[in-house]
N, C-alpha and C. Protein backbone atom coordinates (compact mmCIF):
# COMPACT_ATOMS: atom_id res chain seq x y z
N MET A 1 102.17 71.38 127.10
CA MET A 1 101.56 72.67 127.43
C MET A 1 101.62 73.64 126.24
N LEU A 2 102.77 73.69 125.59
CA LEU A 2 102.89 74.56 124.42
C LEU A 2 101.93 74.13 123.32
N ASN A 3 101.79 72.82 123.13
CA ASN A 3 100.86 72.34 122.12
C ASN A 3 99.43 72.75 122.46
N GLY A 4 99.11 72.81 123.75
CA GLY A 4 97.78 73.25 124.17
C GLY A 4 97.56 74.71 123.83
N ILE A 5 98.57 75.55 124.06
CA ILE A 5 98.47 76.97 123.72
C ILE A 5 98.32 77.15 122.22
N PHE A 6 99.14 76.41 121.45
CA PHE A 6 99.06 76.52 119.99
C PHE A 6 97.71 76.03 119.47
N TRP A 7 97.15 75.01 120.12
CA TRP A 7 95.85 74.49 119.69
C TRP A 7 94.76 75.54 119.83
N VAL A 8 94.76 76.26 120.94
CA VAL A 8 93.76 77.30 121.17
C VAL A 8 93.93 78.43 120.17
N LEU A 9 95.17 78.88 119.96
CA LEU A 9 95.41 79.99 119.05
C LEU A 9 95.07 79.61 117.61
N ARG A 10 95.34 78.37 117.25
CA ARG A 10 95.09 77.94 115.88
C ARG A 10 93.61 77.69 115.62
N SER A 11 92.92 77.08 116.57
CA SER A 11 91.52 76.70 116.37
C SER A 11 90.56 77.85 116.63
N GLY A 12 90.96 78.80 117.49
CA GLY A 12 90.06 79.89 117.86
C GLY A 12 89.06 79.50 118.91
N ALA A 13 89.20 78.31 119.48
CA ALA A 13 88.27 77.84 120.50
C ALA A 13 88.54 78.53 121.84
N PRO A 14 87.53 78.65 122.69
CA PRO A 14 87.76 79.20 124.04
C PRO A 14 88.62 78.25 124.85
N TRP A 15 89.29 78.79 125.87
CA TRP A 15 90.19 77.98 126.67
C TRP A 15 89.48 76.82 127.36
N ARG A 16 88.20 77.01 127.66
CA ARG A 16 87.46 75.94 128.36
C ARG A 16 87.28 74.70 127.49
N ASP A 17 87.45 74.85 126.15
CA ASP A 17 87.30 73.71 125.25
C ASP A 17 88.62 73.01 124.95
N LEU A 18 89.69 73.39 125.66
CA LEU A 18 90.98 72.75 125.43
C LEU A 18 90.90 71.26 125.77
N PRO A 19 91.28 70.37 124.84
CA PRO A 19 91.24 68.93 125.10
C PRO A 19 92.09 68.55 126.31
N GLU A 20 91.64 67.56 127.05
CA GLU A 20 92.32 67.14 128.29
C GLU A 20 93.73 66.64 128.04
N ARG A 21 94.00 66.16 126.84
CA ARG A 21 95.33 65.61 126.55
C ARG A 21 96.42 66.67 126.64
N TYR A 22 96.04 67.95 126.61
CA TYR A 22 97.02 69.03 126.70
C TYR A 22 97.24 69.50 128.13
N GLY A 23 96.52 68.93 129.07
CA GLY A 23 96.68 69.33 130.46
C GLY A 23 95.60 70.32 130.90
N PRO A 24 95.67 70.79 132.15
CA PRO A 24 94.67 71.73 132.66
C PRO A 24 94.64 73.02 131.85
N ARG A 25 93.44 73.46 131.52
CA ARG A 25 93.32 74.67 130.69
C ARG A 25 93.82 75.90 131.43
N THR A 26 93.62 75.95 132.76
CA THR A 26 94.08 77.11 133.52
C THR A 26 95.61 77.21 133.52
N THR A 27 96.28 76.06 133.53
CA THR A 27 97.74 76.07 133.49
C THR A 27 98.24 76.60 132.15
N CYS A 28 97.64 76.13 131.07
CA CYS A 28 98.04 76.61 129.74
C CYS A 28 97.75 78.10 129.59
N TYR A 29 96.60 78.53 130.04
CA TYR A 29 96.23 79.94 129.92
C TYR A 29 97.16 80.82 130.74
N ASN A 30 97.41 80.43 132.00
CA ASN A 30 98.26 81.25 132.86
C ASN A 30 99.69 81.33 132.32
N ARG A 31 100.19 80.22 131.78
CA ARG A 31 101.53 80.24 131.19
C ARG A 31 101.56 81.17 129.97
N PHE A 32 100.52 81.12 129.16
CA PHE A 32 100.45 81.99 127.99
C PHE A 32 100.46 83.46 128.39
N VAL A 33 99.67 83.82 129.39
CA VAL A 33 99.58 85.21 129.83
C VAL A 33 100.89 85.67 130.47
N ARG A 34 101.49 84.83 131.31
CA ARG A 34 102.74 85.22 131.98
C ARG A 34 103.85 85.43 130.95
N TRP A 35 103.94 84.54 129.97
CA TRP A 35 104.98 84.69 128.94
C TRP A 35 104.73 85.91 128.07
N ARG A 36 103.46 86.24 127.86
CA ARG A 36 103.16 87.43 127.07
C ARG A 36 103.60 88.69 127.81
N LYS A 37 103.27 88.76 129.10
CA LYS A 37 103.65 89.94 129.90
C LYS A 37 105.16 90.05 130.04
N ALA A 38 105.84 88.92 130.11
CA ALA A 38 107.29 88.92 130.27
C ALA A 38 108.03 89.11 128.94
N GLY A 39 107.29 89.13 127.84
CA GLY A 39 107.92 89.33 126.54
C GLY A 39 108.58 88.09 125.97
N VAL A 40 108.26 86.91 126.52
CA VAL A 40 108.89 85.67 126.06
C VAL A 40 108.52 85.38 124.61
N TRP A 41 107.24 85.55 124.26
CA TRP A 41 106.82 85.26 122.89
C TRP A 41 107.53 86.18 121.90
N ASP A 42 107.67 87.46 122.27
CA ASP A 42 108.36 88.40 121.39
C ASP A 42 109.81 88.01 121.18
N ARG A 43 110.48 87.59 122.27
CA ARG A 43 111.89 87.20 122.16
C ARG A 43 112.05 85.94 121.32
N LEU A 44 111.11 85.01 121.46
CA LEU A 44 111.17 83.80 120.65
C LEU A 44 111.04 84.13 119.16
N MET A 45 110.08 85.00 118.84
CA MET A 45 109.89 85.37 117.45
C MET A 45 111.08 86.16 116.90
N ASP A 46 111.65 87.03 117.73
CA ASP A 46 112.82 87.79 117.29
C ASP A 46 113.99 86.86 117.00
N GLY A 47 114.18 85.84 117.85
CA GLY A 47 115.26 84.88 117.64
C GLY A 47 115.07 84.08 116.36
N ILE A 48 113.83 83.67 116.09
CA ILE A 48 113.54 82.91 114.87
C ILE A 48 113.77 83.78 113.64
N THR A 49 113.35 85.05 113.74
CA THR A 49 113.51 85.97 112.61
C THR A 49 114.97 86.21 112.28
N LYS A 50 115.81 86.43 113.29
CA LYS A 50 117.22 86.71 113.06
C LYS A 50 117.95 85.50 112.50
N ALA A 51 117.47 84.31 112.85
CA ALA A 51 118.12 83.08 112.36
C ALA A 51 117.67 82.70 110.96
N HIS A 52 116.62 83.35 110.48
CA HIS A 52 116.09 83.02 109.16
C HIS A 52 116.97 83.62 108.07
N ASP A 53 117.28 82.81 107.07
CA ASP A 53 118.19 83.26 106.01
C ASP A 53 117.47 83.17 104.66
N GLY A 54 116.36 83.88 104.55
CA GLY A 54 115.59 83.84 103.32
C GLY A 54 116.10 84.85 102.32
N LYS A 55 116.56 84.38 101.17
CA LYS A 55 117.08 85.28 100.14
C LYS A 55 115.96 85.95 99.35
N VAL A 56 114.76 85.40 99.43
CA VAL A 56 113.59 86.03 98.81
C VAL A 56 112.55 86.23 99.89
N GLN A 57 112.18 87.47 100.14
CA GLN A 57 111.19 87.78 101.16
C GLN A 57 110.12 88.68 100.56
N MET A 58 108.91 88.54 101.06
CA MET A 58 107.77 89.28 100.53
C MET A 58 107.03 89.97 101.66
N ILE A 59 106.46 91.12 101.36
CA ILE A 59 105.79 91.91 102.37
C ILE A 59 104.41 92.33 101.87
N ASP A 60 103.41 92.26 102.76
CA ASP A 60 102.05 92.66 102.40
C ASP A 60 101.24 92.82 103.68
N THR A 61 99.98 93.20 103.52
CA THR A 61 99.10 93.40 104.68
C THR A 61 97.80 92.65 104.49
N SER A 62 97.10 92.45 105.61
CA SER A 62 95.79 91.81 105.60
C SER A 62 94.91 92.50 106.63
N ILE A 63 93.66 92.76 106.26
CA ILE A 63 92.72 93.44 107.15
C ILE A 63 91.87 92.43 107.91
N VAL A 64 91.67 92.67 109.21
CA VAL A 64 90.86 91.81 110.04
C VAL A 64 89.76 92.64 110.67
N ARG A 65 88.52 92.24 110.48
CA ARG A 65 87.39 92.94 111.09
C ARG A 65 87.35 92.66 112.58
N VAL A 66 87.04 93.66 113.36
CA VAL A 66 86.97 93.52 114.81
C VAL A 66 85.61 92.96 115.20
N HIS A 67 85.61 92.01 116.12
CA HIS A 67 84.35 91.44 116.60
C HIS A 67 83.55 92.50 117.32
N GLN A 68 82.23 92.43 117.19
CA GLN A 68 81.37 93.45 117.76
C GLN A 68 81.51 93.57 119.28
N GLN A 69 81.88 92.48 119.96
CA GLN A 69 82.02 92.54 121.41
C GLN A 69 83.29 93.24 121.84
N ASP A 70 84.21 93.46 120.91
CA ASP A 70 85.43 94.16 121.25
C ASP A 70 85.41 95.61 120.79
N ALA A 71 84.32 96.03 120.19
CA ALA A 71 84.21 97.40 119.67
C ALA A 71 84.19 98.43 120.78
N THR A 72 83.92 97.99 122.02
CA THR A 72 83.87 98.91 123.16
C THR A 72 85.03 98.65 124.11
N ALA A 73 86.19 98.25 123.59
CA ALA A 73 87.35 97.94 124.44
C ALA A 73 87.72 99.15 125.28
N LYS A 74 87.99 98.91 126.54
CA LYS A 74 88.33 99.98 127.47
C LYS A 74 89.66 99.68 128.13
N GLY A 75 90.08 100.57 129.02
CA GLY A 75 91.30 100.33 129.78
C GLY A 75 92.45 101.20 129.35
N GLY A 76 92.26 102.02 128.31
CA GLY A 76 93.32 102.92 127.87
C GLY A 76 94.47 102.23 127.16
N GLN A 77 94.33 100.95 126.82
CA GLN A 77 95.41 100.23 126.15
C GLN A 77 95.28 100.36 124.63
N ASP A 78 96.39 100.19 123.97
CA ASP A 78 96.40 100.23 122.51
C ASP A 78 96.10 98.84 121.99
N HIS A 79 94.89 98.64 121.48
CA HIS A 79 94.49 97.34 120.97
C HIS A 79 94.62 97.29 119.45
N CYS A 80 95.29 98.27 118.85
CA CYS A 80 95.48 98.30 117.40
C CYS A 80 94.14 98.28 116.67
N LEU A 81 93.21 99.07 117.16
CA LEU A 81 91.90 99.18 116.53
C LEU A 81 91.80 100.53 115.82
N GLY A 82 91.22 100.53 114.65
CA GLY A 82 91.04 101.78 113.91
C GLY A 82 89.88 101.67 112.96
N ARG A 83 89.40 102.80 112.52
CA ARG A 83 88.26 102.82 111.60
C ARG A 83 88.75 103.04 110.17
N SER A 84 88.30 102.17 109.30
CA SER A 84 88.60 102.28 107.88
C SER A 84 87.31 102.06 107.11
N ARG A 85 87.41 101.88 105.81
CA ARG A 85 86.21 101.69 105.01
C ARG A 85 85.45 100.43 105.41
N GLY A 86 86.14 99.48 106.03
CA GLY A 86 85.48 98.25 106.45
C GLY A 86 84.93 98.30 107.85
N GLY A 87 84.94 99.49 108.45
CA GLY A 87 84.47 99.61 109.82
C GLY A 87 85.63 99.58 110.80
N LEU A 88 85.43 98.99 111.97
CA LEU A 88 86.47 98.89 112.98
C LEU A 88 87.36 97.69 112.63
N THR A 89 88.63 97.97 112.35
CA THR A 89 89.51 96.92 111.83
C THR A 89 90.91 97.00 112.44
N THR A 90 91.64 95.91 112.27
CA THR A 90 93.05 95.82 112.60
C THR A 90 93.79 95.37 111.35
N LYS A 91 94.98 95.92 111.13
CA LYS A 91 95.75 95.55 109.95
C LYS A 91 96.97 94.71 110.36
N ILE A 92 97.13 93.57 109.71
CA ILE A 92 98.27 92.69 109.95
C ILE A 92 99.32 92.97 108.87
N HIS A 93 100.50 93.40 109.28
CA HIS A 93 101.61 93.61 108.37
C HIS A 93 102.50 92.38 108.46
N ALA A 94 102.75 91.73 107.33
CA ALA A 94 103.46 90.46 107.35
C ALA A 94 104.66 90.46 106.41
N LEU A 95 105.74 89.87 106.90
CA LEU A 95 106.92 89.59 106.08
C LEU A 95 107.03 88.07 106.01
N VAL A 96 107.02 87.51 104.79
CA VAL A 96 107.04 86.06 104.62
C VAL A 96 108.17 85.67 103.69
N ASP A 97 108.51 84.37 103.69
CA ASP A 97 109.56 83.89 102.81
C ASP A 97 108.97 83.41 101.49
N ALA A 98 109.79 82.79 100.65
CA ALA A 98 109.35 82.39 99.32
C ALA A 98 108.26 81.32 99.35
N GLN A 99 108.15 80.58 100.46
CA GLN A 99 107.11 79.57 100.59
C GLN A 99 105.86 80.11 101.29
N GLY A 100 105.86 81.41 101.60
CA GLY A 100 104.71 82.00 102.27
C GLY A 100 104.71 81.81 103.77
N ARG A 101 105.82 81.36 104.35
CA ARG A 101 105.91 81.16 105.79
C ARG A 101 106.24 82.48 106.48
N PRO A 102 105.46 82.87 107.49
CA PRO A 102 105.69 84.16 108.15
C PRO A 102 107.07 84.24 108.81
N ILE A 103 107.74 85.38 108.60
CA ILE A 103 109.01 85.67 109.25
C ILE A 103 108.80 86.66 110.39
N LYS A 104 108.00 87.68 110.12
CA LYS A 104 107.72 88.68 111.15
C LYS A 104 106.34 89.28 110.90
N LEU A 105 105.60 89.51 111.99
CA LEU A 105 104.26 90.09 111.91
C LEU A 105 104.18 91.31 112.81
N MET A 106 103.39 92.29 112.39
CA MET A 106 103.13 93.47 113.20
C MET A 106 101.66 93.84 113.05
N LEU A 107 101.09 94.45 114.10
CA LEU A 107 99.70 94.89 114.08
C LEU A 107 99.63 96.40 114.18
N THR A 108 98.74 96.99 113.41
CA THR A 108 98.46 98.42 113.52
C THR A 108 96.95 98.62 113.40
N ALA A 109 96.51 99.83 113.64
CA ALA A 109 95.11 100.16 113.42
C ALA A 109 94.79 100.02 111.93
N GLY A 110 93.54 99.70 111.63
CA GLY A 110 93.15 99.39 110.26
C GLY A 110 93.35 100.50 109.26
N GLN A 111 93.34 101.76 109.72
CA GLN A 111 93.46 102.87 108.76
C GLN A 111 94.90 103.21 108.41
N MET A 112 95.87 102.56 109.04
CA MET A 112 97.27 102.83 108.74
C MET A 112 97.61 102.35 107.34
N SER A 113 98.53 103.05 106.70
CA SER A 113 98.93 102.67 105.34
C SER A 113 99.73 101.37 105.36
N ASP A 114 99.78 100.70 104.21
CA ASP A 114 100.51 99.44 104.12
C ASP A 114 102.00 99.62 104.42
N ILE A 115 102.54 100.75 103.99
CA ILE A 115 103.97 100.96 104.10
C ILE A 115 104.39 101.44 105.50
N ALA A 116 103.44 101.69 106.37
CA ALA A 116 103.73 102.29 107.68
C ALA A 116 104.72 101.47 108.50
N SER A 117 104.63 100.15 108.44
CA SER A 117 105.49 99.29 109.26
C SER A 117 106.55 98.57 108.45
N ALA A 118 106.72 98.95 107.19
CA ALA A 118 107.64 98.22 106.32
C ALA A 118 109.07 98.26 106.81
N VAL A 119 109.55 99.43 107.22
CA VAL A 119 110.94 99.56 107.66
C VAL A 119 111.20 98.71 108.91
N ASP A 120 110.25 98.68 109.84
CA ASP A 120 110.41 97.87 111.05
C ASP A 120 110.40 96.38 110.74
N LEU A 121 109.69 95.98 109.71
CA LEU A 121 109.62 94.57 109.36
C LEU A 121 110.90 94.04 108.73
N ILE A 122 111.65 94.91 108.06
CA ILE A 122 112.81 94.43 107.30
C ILE A 122 114.14 94.76 108.01
N THR A 123 114.10 94.95 109.32
CA THR A 123 115.33 95.27 110.05
C THR A 123 116.36 94.16 109.96
N ASP A 124 115.92 92.91 109.74
CA ASP A 124 116.85 91.78 109.66
C ASP A 124 116.94 91.23 108.24
N LEU A 125 116.59 92.05 107.25
CA LEU A 125 116.70 91.61 105.86
C LEU A 125 118.15 91.31 105.54
N PRO A 126 118.47 90.07 105.14
CA PRO A 126 119.88 89.70 104.92
C PRO A 126 120.47 90.36 103.68
N GLU A 127 121.78 90.49 103.69
CA GLU A 127 122.49 91.08 102.56
C GLU A 127 122.30 90.21 101.32
N GLY A 128 122.02 90.85 100.20
CA GLY A 128 121.82 90.13 98.95
C GLY A 128 120.41 89.60 98.75
N ALA A 129 119.52 89.84 99.71
CA ALA A 129 118.15 89.33 99.59
C ALA A 129 117.34 90.21 98.65
N MET A 130 116.21 89.67 98.19
CA MET A 130 115.29 90.43 97.36
C MET A 130 113.98 90.58 98.12
N LEU A 131 113.47 91.81 98.17
CA LEU A 131 112.19 92.07 98.81
C LEU A 131 111.15 92.28 97.72
N LEU A 132 110.12 91.44 97.77
CA LEU A 132 109.04 91.49 96.79
C LEU A 132 107.82 92.15 97.41
N ALA A 133 107.26 93.17 96.74
CA ALA A 133 106.09 93.87 97.26
C ALA A 133 105.30 94.47 96.11
N ASP A 134 104.09 94.96 96.41
CA ASP A 134 103.27 95.57 95.37
C ASP A 134 103.50 97.07 95.32
N LYS A 135 102.72 97.76 94.49
CA LYS A 135 102.93 99.19 94.26
C LYS A 135 102.71 100.03 95.52
N GLY A 136 101.97 99.50 96.49
CA GLY A 136 101.73 100.24 97.71
C GLY A 136 103.00 100.52 98.50
N TYR A 137 104.07 99.80 98.18
CA TYR A 137 105.35 99.96 98.89
C TYR A 137 106.37 100.72 98.05
N ASP A 138 105.92 101.31 96.95
CA ASP A 138 106.84 102.06 96.10
C ASP A 138 107.08 103.45 96.71
N ALA A 139 108.15 103.57 97.46
CA ALA A 139 108.53 104.85 98.07
C ALA A 139 110.06 104.93 98.10
N ASN A 140 110.60 106.09 97.80
CA ASN A 140 112.04 106.26 97.78
C ASN A 140 112.67 105.94 99.13
N ALA A 141 111.99 106.33 100.21
CA ALA A 141 112.53 106.09 101.55
C ALA A 141 112.73 104.61 101.80
N LEU A 142 111.74 103.78 101.44
CA LEU A 142 111.86 102.33 101.63
C LEU A 142 112.92 101.75 100.71
N ARG A 143 112.97 102.20 99.47
CA ARG A 143 113.99 101.70 98.55
C ARG A 143 115.39 102.03 99.06
N ASN A 144 115.56 103.21 99.65
CA ASN A 144 116.87 103.59 100.18
C ASN A 144 117.28 102.70 101.35
N VAL A 145 116.31 102.38 102.22
CA VAL A 145 116.60 101.49 103.35
C VAL A 145 117.03 100.11 102.86
N ILE A 146 116.34 99.60 101.85
CA ILE A 146 116.69 98.29 101.28
C ILE A 146 118.09 98.32 100.68
N THR A 147 118.41 99.41 99.99
CA THR A 147 119.74 99.54 99.39
C THR A 147 120.82 99.61 100.46
N GLU A 148 120.55 100.32 101.57
CA GLU A 148 121.50 100.40 102.66
C GLU A 148 121.81 99.03 103.26
N ARG A 149 120.85 98.12 103.20
CA ARG A 149 121.06 96.77 103.70
C ARG A 149 121.69 95.87 102.65
N LYS A 150 122.10 96.45 101.54
CA LYS A 150 122.74 95.72 100.44
C LYS A 150 121.83 94.63 99.89
N ALA A 151 120.53 94.93 99.92
CA ALA A 151 119.53 94.06 99.31
C ALA A 151 118.92 94.83 98.13
N TRP A 152 117.97 94.23 97.46
CA TRP A 152 117.35 94.94 96.34
C TRP A 152 115.85 94.72 96.33
N ALA A 153 115.15 95.73 95.81
CA ALA A 153 113.69 95.75 95.86
C ALA A 153 113.07 95.35 94.52
N ASN A 154 112.17 94.40 94.57
CA ASN A 154 111.37 94.05 93.40
C ASN A 154 109.98 94.63 93.63
N ILE A 155 109.86 95.94 93.41
CA ILE A 155 108.62 96.66 93.66
C ILE A 155 108.25 97.44 92.40
N PRO A 156 107.12 97.15 91.81
CA PRO A 156 106.73 97.89 90.60
C PRO A 156 106.44 99.35 90.93
N PRO A 157 106.82 100.28 90.06
CA PRO A 157 106.60 101.70 90.33
C PRO A 157 105.13 102.08 90.19
N LYS A 158 104.72 103.07 90.96
CA LYS A 158 103.36 103.59 90.84
C LYS A 158 103.21 104.33 89.52
N ALA A 159 101.98 104.45 89.07
CA ALA A 159 101.72 105.12 87.80
C ALA A 159 102.10 106.59 87.84
N ASN A 160 102.04 107.21 89.02
CA ASN A 160 102.35 108.64 89.14
C ASN A 160 103.79 108.91 89.57
N ARG A 161 104.64 107.90 89.56
CA ARG A 161 106.03 108.10 89.95
C ARG A 161 106.74 108.98 88.92
N LYS A 162 107.44 110.01 89.43
CA LYS A 162 108.16 110.92 88.54
C LYS A 162 109.46 110.31 88.05
N ASP A 163 110.15 109.61 88.96
CA ASP A 163 111.41 108.96 88.58
C ASP A 163 111.11 107.57 88.06
N ARG A 164 111.13 107.39 86.76
CA ARG A 164 110.80 106.11 86.15
C ARG A 164 112.03 105.24 85.92
N SER A 165 113.15 105.63 86.53
CA SER A 165 114.40 104.89 86.29
C SER A 165 114.50 103.63 87.13
N VAL A 166 113.59 103.45 88.10
CA VAL A 166 113.66 102.25 88.94
C VAL A 166 113.38 101.03 88.08
N SER A 167 114.14 99.98 88.33
CA SER A 167 114.01 98.76 87.52
C SER A 167 113.30 97.68 88.31
N VAL A 168 112.54 96.88 87.59
CA VAL A 168 111.83 95.74 88.17
C VAL A 168 112.22 94.50 87.39
N PRO A 169 112.72 93.45 88.08
CA PRO A 169 113.13 92.22 87.37
C PRO A 169 111.97 91.60 86.62
N SER A 170 112.26 90.97 85.53
CA SER A 170 111.22 90.28 84.78
C SER A 170 110.79 89.04 85.54
N ALA A 171 109.64 88.49 85.18
CA ALA A 171 109.10 87.33 85.89
C ALA A 171 110.05 86.14 85.82
N LYS A 172 110.85 86.04 84.74
CA LYS A 172 111.74 84.90 84.58
C LYS A 172 112.89 84.92 85.58
N THR A 173 113.26 86.12 86.07
CA THR A 173 114.39 86.22 86.98
C THR A 173 113.97 86.15 88.44
N VAL A 174 112.67 86.13 88.69
CA VAL A 174 112.17 86.09 90.07
C VAL A 174 111.88 84.65 90.44
N PRO A 175 112.51 84.11 91.50
CA PRO A 175 112.35 82.70 91.83
C PRO A 175 111.04 82.38 92.53
N THR A 176 110.13 83.31 92.63
CA THR A 176 108.82 83.05 93.22
C THR A 176 107.81 83.96 92.55
N ASP A 177 106.54 83.82 92.85
CA ASP A 177 105.55 84.67 92.22
C ASP A 177 104.67 85.31 93.27
N ARG A 178 103.92 86.32 92.85
CA ARG A 178 103.12 87.09 93.79
C ARG A 178 101.91 86.32 94.30
N ASP A 179 101.52 85.24 93.61
CA ASP A 179 100.42 84.42 94.11
C ASP A 179 100.76 83.83 95.47
N THR A 180 102.03 83.49 95.68
CA THR A 180 102.46 82.96 96.98
C THR A 180 102.20 83.97 98.07
N LEU A 181 102.46 85.23 97.78
CA LEU A 181 102.24 86.29 98.76
C LEU A 181 100.76 86.46 99.05
N ARG A 182 99.95 86.40 98.01
CA ARG A 182 98.51 86.54 98.21
C ARG A 182 97.97 85.38 99.04
N GLN A 183 98.43 84.16 98.76
CA GLN A 183 97.98 83.00 99.51
C GLN A 183 98.40 83.09 100.96
N ALA A 184 99.62 83.58 101.21
CA ALA A 184 100.08 83.74 102.58
C ALA A 184 99.22 84.74 103.32
N GLY A 185 98.83 85.82 102.62
CA GLY A 185 97.98 86.83 103.25
C GLY A 185 96.63 86.27 103.64
N ARG A 186 96.09 85.37 102.83
CA ARG A 186 94.80 84.77 103.15
C ARG A 186 94.90 83.81 104.32
N LYS A 187 96.07 83.20 104.52
CA LYS A 187 96.23 82.23 105.60
C LYS A 187 96.54 82.90 106.94
N LEU A 188 97.07 84.13 106.90
CA LEU A 188 97.54 84.76 108.13
C LEU A 188 96.48 84.89 109.19
N PRO A 189 95.28 85.43 108.91
CA PRO A 189 94.32 85.59 109.98
C PRO A 189 93.73 84.24 110.36
N CYS A 190 94.33 83.56 111.33
CA CYS A 190 93.77 82.31 111.81
C CYS A 190 92.46 82.63 112.52
N ARG A 191 91.73 81.64 112.94
CA ARG A 191 90.39 81.86 113.45
C ARG A 191 90.37 82.80 114.65
N ARG A 192 91.35 82.65 115.56
CA ARG A 192 91.33 83.51 116.72
C ARG A 192 91.64 84.95 116.34
N GLN A 193 92.52 85.18 115.35
CA GLN A 193 92.80 86.53 114.89
C GLN A 193 91.59 87.12 114.20
N THR A 194 90.88 86.29 113.43
CA THR A 194 89.72 86.78 112.71
C THR A 194 88.64 87.24 113.66
N ARG A 195 88.51 86.55 114.78
CA ARG A 195 87.51 86.93 115.76
C ARG A 195 87.92 88.21 116.47
N ARG A 196 89.23 88.48 116.54
CA ARG A 196 89.79 89.69 117.15
C ARG A 196 89.30 89.88 118.57
N TYR A 197 89.51 88.86 119.42
CA TYR A 197 89.30 88.99 120.84
C TYR A 197 90.67 89.22 121.47
N PRO A 198 91.14 90.44 121.68
CA PRO A 198 92.45 90.64 122.28
C PRO A 198 92.49 90.04 123.68
N LEU A 199 93.54 89.27 123.98
CA LEU A 199 93.67 88.65 125.29
C LEU A 199 94.19 89.67 126.29
N ARG A 200 93.37 90.04 127.22
CA ARG A 200 93.75 91.02 128.23
C ARG A 200 94.09 90.31 129.53
N SER A 201 94.71 91.02 130.44
CA SER A 201 95.15 90.42 131.70
C SER A 201 93.95 89.98 132.54
N ASN A 202 92.79 90.59 132.32
CA ASN A 202 91.63 90.24 133.13
C ASN A 202 90.66 89.32 132.39
N GLU A 203 91.13 88.71 131.28
CA GLU A 203 90.26 87.81 130.53
C GLU A 203 90.02 86.53 131.31
N SER A 204 88.80 86.06 131.30
CA SER A 204 88.46 84.85 132.03
C SER A 204 88.82 83.63 131.20
N THR A 205 89.25 82.57 131.86
CA THR A 205 89.57 81.33 131.17
C THR A 205 88.35 80.45 131.02
N ALA A 206 87.27 80.82 131.63
CA ALA A 206 86.06 79.99 131.58
C ALA A 206 85.35 80.14 130.25
């Protein structure tokens, strides 16, 4: 059943196209919805995140365009939709390890800044870890939070930064490179995320 749920999320196919080998599509769909409402998926991800011991972690964002059929979403719910230069979009904030494997993901409206969810993403940053990010995350507040966790930031300073005393390790001392982060960002929006059909409680399985 779990493999059936993962197949739909990974492929982006409608539930009615779920292969028979995974069992009845209505069973998989109903289990997915019940676990979502009960917070089971969130607890599973939180448990995996806390158990992860990545000494090198990277943070970045990826923009996802909203499908035209979801542009008129109703119901008063927060679907993390916002207007930016790309139109109606959602922003994926991702924390990944040195191999580009996601550790924690968060969604916000597309117009939110990259650094908006950074502090929430690094709540489980282990002591002694290094956080790798681009200039968009160069802020004293974030650097202070990282220092409080006894970790250190590999974040290049912005050109307009007044305090130029912040240090950035040379490429030789960093055990990974920023290309890994860029590649992870390109992989994050799987087909179902790219389509941006938020699964609502009244969504049909047909």
